[in-house]
C-alpha atoms as a PDB file:
ATOM      1  CA  UNK A   1      43.993  22.716  25.061  1.00  0.00           C
ATOM      2  CA  UNK A   2      45.180  25.552  22.853  1.00  0.00           C
ATOM      3  CA  UNK A   3      44.262  29.171  23.457  1.00  0.00           C
ATOM      4  CA  UNK A   4      42.474  31.307  20.891  1.00  0.00           C
ATOM      5  CA  UNK A   5      45.690  33.311  20.459  1.00  0.00           C
ATOM      6  CA  UNK A   6      47.824  30.188  19.922  1.00  0.00           C
ATOM      7  CA  UNK A   7      45.353  28.880  17.369  1.00  0.00           C
ATOM      8  CA  UNK A   8      45.366  32.219  15.545  1.00  0.00           C
ATOM      9  CA  UNK A   9      49.161  32.320  15.437  1.00  0.00           C
ATOM     10  CA  UNK A  10      49.286  28.779  14.048  1.00  0.00           C
ATOM     11  CA  UNK A  11      46.713  29.630  11.375  1.00  0.00           C
ATOM     12  CA  UNK A  12      48.677  32.738  10.406  1.00  0.00           C
ATOM     13  CA  UNK A  13      51.861  30.678  10.102  1.00  0.00           C
ATOM     14  CA  UNK A  14      50.116  28.004   8.035  1.00  0.00           C
ATOM     15  CA  UNK A  15      48.455  30.596   5.784  1.00  0.00           C
ATOM     16  CA  UNK A  16      51.785  32.343   5.192  1.00  0.00           C
ATOM     17  CA  UNK A  17      53.372  29.044   4.167  1.00  0.00           C
ATOM     18  CA  UNK A  18      50.862  28.369   1.387  1.00  0.00           C
ATOM     19  CA  UNK A  19      51.228  29.696  -2.169  1.00  0.00           C
ATOM     20  CA  UNK A  20      49.889  33.217  -2.537  1.00  0.00           C
ATOM     21  CA  UNK A  21      48.009  32.239  -5.706  1.00  0.00           C
ATOM     22  CA  UNK A  22      45.565  30.147  -3.656  1.00  0.00           C
ATOM     23  CA  UNK A  23      44.230  33.356  -2.102  1.00  0.00           C
ATOM     24  CA  UNK A  24      43.421  35.197  -5.346  1.00  0.00           C
ATOM     25  CA  UNK A  25      40.049  36.925  -5.140  1.00  0.00           C
ATOM     26  CA  UNK A  26      39.652  35.958  -1.472  1.00  0.00           C
ATOM     27  CA  UNK A  27      38.722  39.555  -0.740  1.00  0.00           C
ATOM     28  CA  UNK A  28      37.647  39.084   2.893  1.00  0.00           C
ATOM     29  CA  UNK A  29      40.621  36.969   3.918  1.00  0.00           C
ATOM     30  CA  UNK A  30      40.628  34.567   6.856  1.00  0.00           C
ATOM     31  CA  UNK A  31      38.699  35.012  10.097  1.00  0.00           C
ATOM     32  CA  UNK A  32      38.986  33.075  13.346  1.00  0.00           C
ATOM     33  CA  UNK A  33      35.802  33.243  15.399  1.00  0.00           C
ATOM     34  CA  UNK A  34      35.818  32.169  19.025  1.00  0.00           C
ATOM     35  CA  UNK A  35      32.566  30.204  18.994  1.00  0.00           C
ATOM     36  CA  UNK A  36      31.806  26.642  18.068  1.00  0.00           C
ATOM     37  CA  UNK A  37      29.226  25.779  15.425  1.00  0.00           C
ATOM     38  CA  UNK A  38      27.209  22.596  15.243  1.00  0.00           C
ATOM     39  CA  UNK A  39      26.361  21.284  11.806  1.00  0.00           C
ATOM     40  CA  UNK A  40      22.604  21.617  11.150  1.00  0.00           C
ATOM     41  CA  UNK A  41      22.422  17.868  10.440  1.00  0.00           C
ATOM     42  CA  UNK A  42      24.169  16.863  13.673  1.00  0.00           C
ATOM     43  CA  UNK A  43      22.266  13.927  15.174  1.00  0.00           C
ATOM     44  CA  UNK A  44      23.718  13.775  18.669  1.00  0.00           C
ATOM     45  CA  UNK A  45      25.465  17.111  19.052  1.00  0.00           C
ATOM     46  CA  UNK A  46      28.639  15.531  17.710  1.00  0.00           C
ATOM     47  CA  UNK A  47      29.133  17.061  14.263  1.00  0.00           C
ATOM     48  CA  UNK A  48      30.896  20.411  14.310  1.00  0.00           C
ATOM     49  CA  UNK A  49      31.655  22.835  11.518  1.00  0.00           C
ATOM     50  CA  UNK A  50      35.373  23.619  11.735  1.00  0.00           C
ATOM     51  CA  UNK A  51      35.586  26.084   8.882  1.00  0.00           C
ATOM     52  CA  UNK A  52      33.423  27.575   6.154  1.00  0.00           C
ATOM     53  CA  UNK A  53      33.973  29.264   2.833  1.00  0.00           C
ATOM     54  CA  UNK A  54      31.641  32.245   2.365  1.00  0.00           C
ATOM     55  CA  UNK A  55      30.595  34.182  -0.726  1.00  0.00           C
ATOM     56  CA  UNK A  56      28.245  37.101  -0.211  1.00  0.00           C
ATOM     57  CA  UNK A  57      27.881  40.850  -0.682  1.00  0.00           C
ATOM     58  CA  UNK A  58      30.890  41.416   1.593  1.00  0.00           C
ATOM     59  CA  UNK A  59      33.071  39.291  -0.665  1.00  0.00           C
ATOM     60  CA  UNK A  60      34.759  35.914  -0.414  1.00  0.00           C
ATOM     61  CA  UNK A  61      36.283  34.801   2.871  1.00  0.00           C
ATOM     62  CA  UNK A  62      37.020  31.818   5.094  1.00  0.00           C
ATOM     63  CA  UNK A  63      35.816  31.494   8.666  1.00  0.00           C
ATOM     64  CA  UNK A  64      37.360  29.156  11.254  1.00  0.00           C
ATOM     65  CA  UNK A  65      35.444  28.241  14.405  1.00  0.00           C
ATOM     66  CA  UNK A  66      37.926  28.095  17.270  1.00  0.00           C
ATOM     67  CA  UNK A  67      35.404  26.504  19.656  1.00  0.00           C
ATOM     68  CA  UNK A  68      34.654  23.700  17.201  1.00  0.00           C
ATOM     69  CA  UNK A  69      38.316  23.117  16.411  1.00  0.00           C
ATOM     70  CA  UNK A  70      39.364  22.763  20.049  1.00  0.00           C
ATOM     71  CA  UNK A  71      36.371  20.530  20.852  1.00  0.00           C
ATOM     72  CA  UNK A  72      37.351  18.163  18.064  1.00  0.00           C
ATOM     73  CA  UNK A  73      41.163  18.445  18.064  1.00  0.00           C
ATOM     74  CA  UNK A  74      42.127  20.266  21.280  1.00  0.00           C
ATOM     75  CA  UNK A  75      43.360  17.043  22.910  1.00  0.00           C
ATOM     76  CA  UNK A  76      45.965  16.391  20.206  1.00  0.00           C
ATOM     77  CA  UNK A  77      49.675  17.060  20.600  1.00  0.00           C
ATOM     78  CA  UNK A  78      50.797  20.340  19.049  1.00  0.00           C
ATOM     79  CA  UNK A  79      52.163  18.854  15.819  1.00  0.00           C
ATOM     80  CA  UNK A  80      48.923  16.944  15.128  1.00  0.00           C
ATOM     81  CA  UNK A  81      46.762  19.948  16.057  1.00  0.00           C
ATOM     82  CA  UNK A  82      48.841  22.096  13.676  1.00  0.00           C
ATOM     83  CA  UNK A  83      48.357  19.497  10.921  1.00  0.00           C
ATOM     84  CA  UNK A  84      44.589  19.501  11.455  1.00  0.00           C
ATOM     85  CA  UNK A  85      44.550  23.299  11.133  1.00  0.00           C
ATOM     86  CA  UNK A  86      46.529  22.983   7.912  1.00  0.00           C
ATOM     87  CA  UNK A  87      44.005  20.473   6.575  1.00  0.00           C
ATOM     88  CA  UNK A  88      41.057  22.691   7.479  1.00  0.00           C
ATOM     89  CA  UNK A  89      42.630  25.671   5.706  1.00  0.00           C
ATOM     90  CA  UNK A  90      43.536  23.566   2.654  1.00  0.00           C
ATOM     91  CA  UNK A  91      39.973  22.236   2.502  1.00  0.00           C
ATOM     92  CA  UNK A  92      38.413  25.708   2.608  1.00  0.00           C
ATOM     93  CA  UNK A  93      40.910  27.082   0.100  1.00  0.00           C
ATOM     94  CA  UNK A  94      39.962  24.226  -2.209  1.00  0.00           C
ATOM     95  CA  UNK A  95      36.303  25.287  -1.927  1.00  0.00           C
ATOM     96  CA  UNK A  96      37.364  28.812  -2.898  1.00  0.00           C
ATOM     97  CA  UNK A  97      39.477  27.734  -5.854  1.00  0.00           C
ATOM     98  CA  UNK A  98      36.911  25.228  -7.094  1.00  0.00           C
ATOM     99  CA  UNK A  99      34.290  27.980  -6.985  1.00  0.00           C
ATOM    100  CA  UNK A 100      36.545  30.215  -9.097  1.00  0.00           C
ATOM    101  CA  UNK A 101      37.021  27.325 -11.545  1.00  0.00           C
ATOM    102  CA  UNK A 102      33.303  26.509 -11.706  1.00  0.00           C
ATOM    103  CA  UNK A 103      33.793  23.096 -10.138  1.00  0.00           C
ATOM    104  CA  UNK A 104      31.730  21.394  -7.408  1.00  0.00           C
ATOM    105  CA  UNK A 105      33.814  18.280  -6.639  1.00  0.00           C
ATOM    106  CA  UNK A 106      34.547  19.157  -3.012  1.00  0.00           C
ATOM    107  CA  UNK A 107      30.927  20.133  -2.346  1.00  0.00           C
ATOM    108  CA  UNK A 108      29.860  16.708  -3.637  1.00  0.00           C
ATOM    109  CA  UNK A 109      32.531  15.036  -1.481  1.00  0.00           C
ATOM    110  CA  UNK A 110      31.330  16.930   1.603  1.00  0.00           C
ATOM    111  CA  UNK A 111      27.717  15.977   0.853  1.00  0.00           C
ATOM    112  CA  UNK A 112      28.725  12.311   0.645  1.00  0.00           C
ATOM    113  CA  UNK A 113      30.571  12.551   3.978  1.00  0.00           C
ATOM    114  CA  UNK A 114      27.419  13.970   5.600  1.00  0.00           C
ATOM    115  CA  UNK A 115      25.371  11.106   4.100  1.00  0.00           C
ATOM    116  CA  UNK A 116      27.881   8.602   5.518  1.00  0.00           C
ATOM    117  CA  UNK A 117      27.626  10.291   8.919  1.00  0.00           C
ATOM    118  CA  UNK A 118      23.810  10.156   8.856  1.00  0.00           C
ATOM    119  CA  UNK A 119      23.872   6.492   7.865  1.00  0.00           C
ATOM    120  CA  UNK A 120      26.308   5.719  10.695  1.00  0.00           C
ATOM    121  CA  UNK A 121      23.867   7.392  13.120  1.00  0.00           C
ATOM    122  CA  UNK A 122      20.869   5.511  11.701  1.00  0.00           C
ATOM    123  CA  UNK A 123      19.301   8.792  10.651  1.00  0.00           C
ATOM    124  CA  UNK A 124      18.743   7.837   7.001  1.00  0.00           C
END
């Protein structure tokens, strides 16, 4: 398993490697929280939120849930774990940039993935 500090260092490295333009108007930056977060539609305690894009009175920012990430990907070798972190960041940055562009494609994709999950659990 990867420590909170290791995960934070990897996220910093990944964030630094991405084009600066992707972060425009992301006023609150990136935050790594230690806890895990279950998705509200989790059927059997098996659907975790890994990251979230937030827009509120504080500004726009991305939160990563360390506890969720290590529960889901903590068993992976370092290179695969690093790749999963990169994918999570890319996903949340896409939410941010689609919001700025007035587009909802990724929200619709996420909603469809949740529907697929619920169907697979016999909850629909």
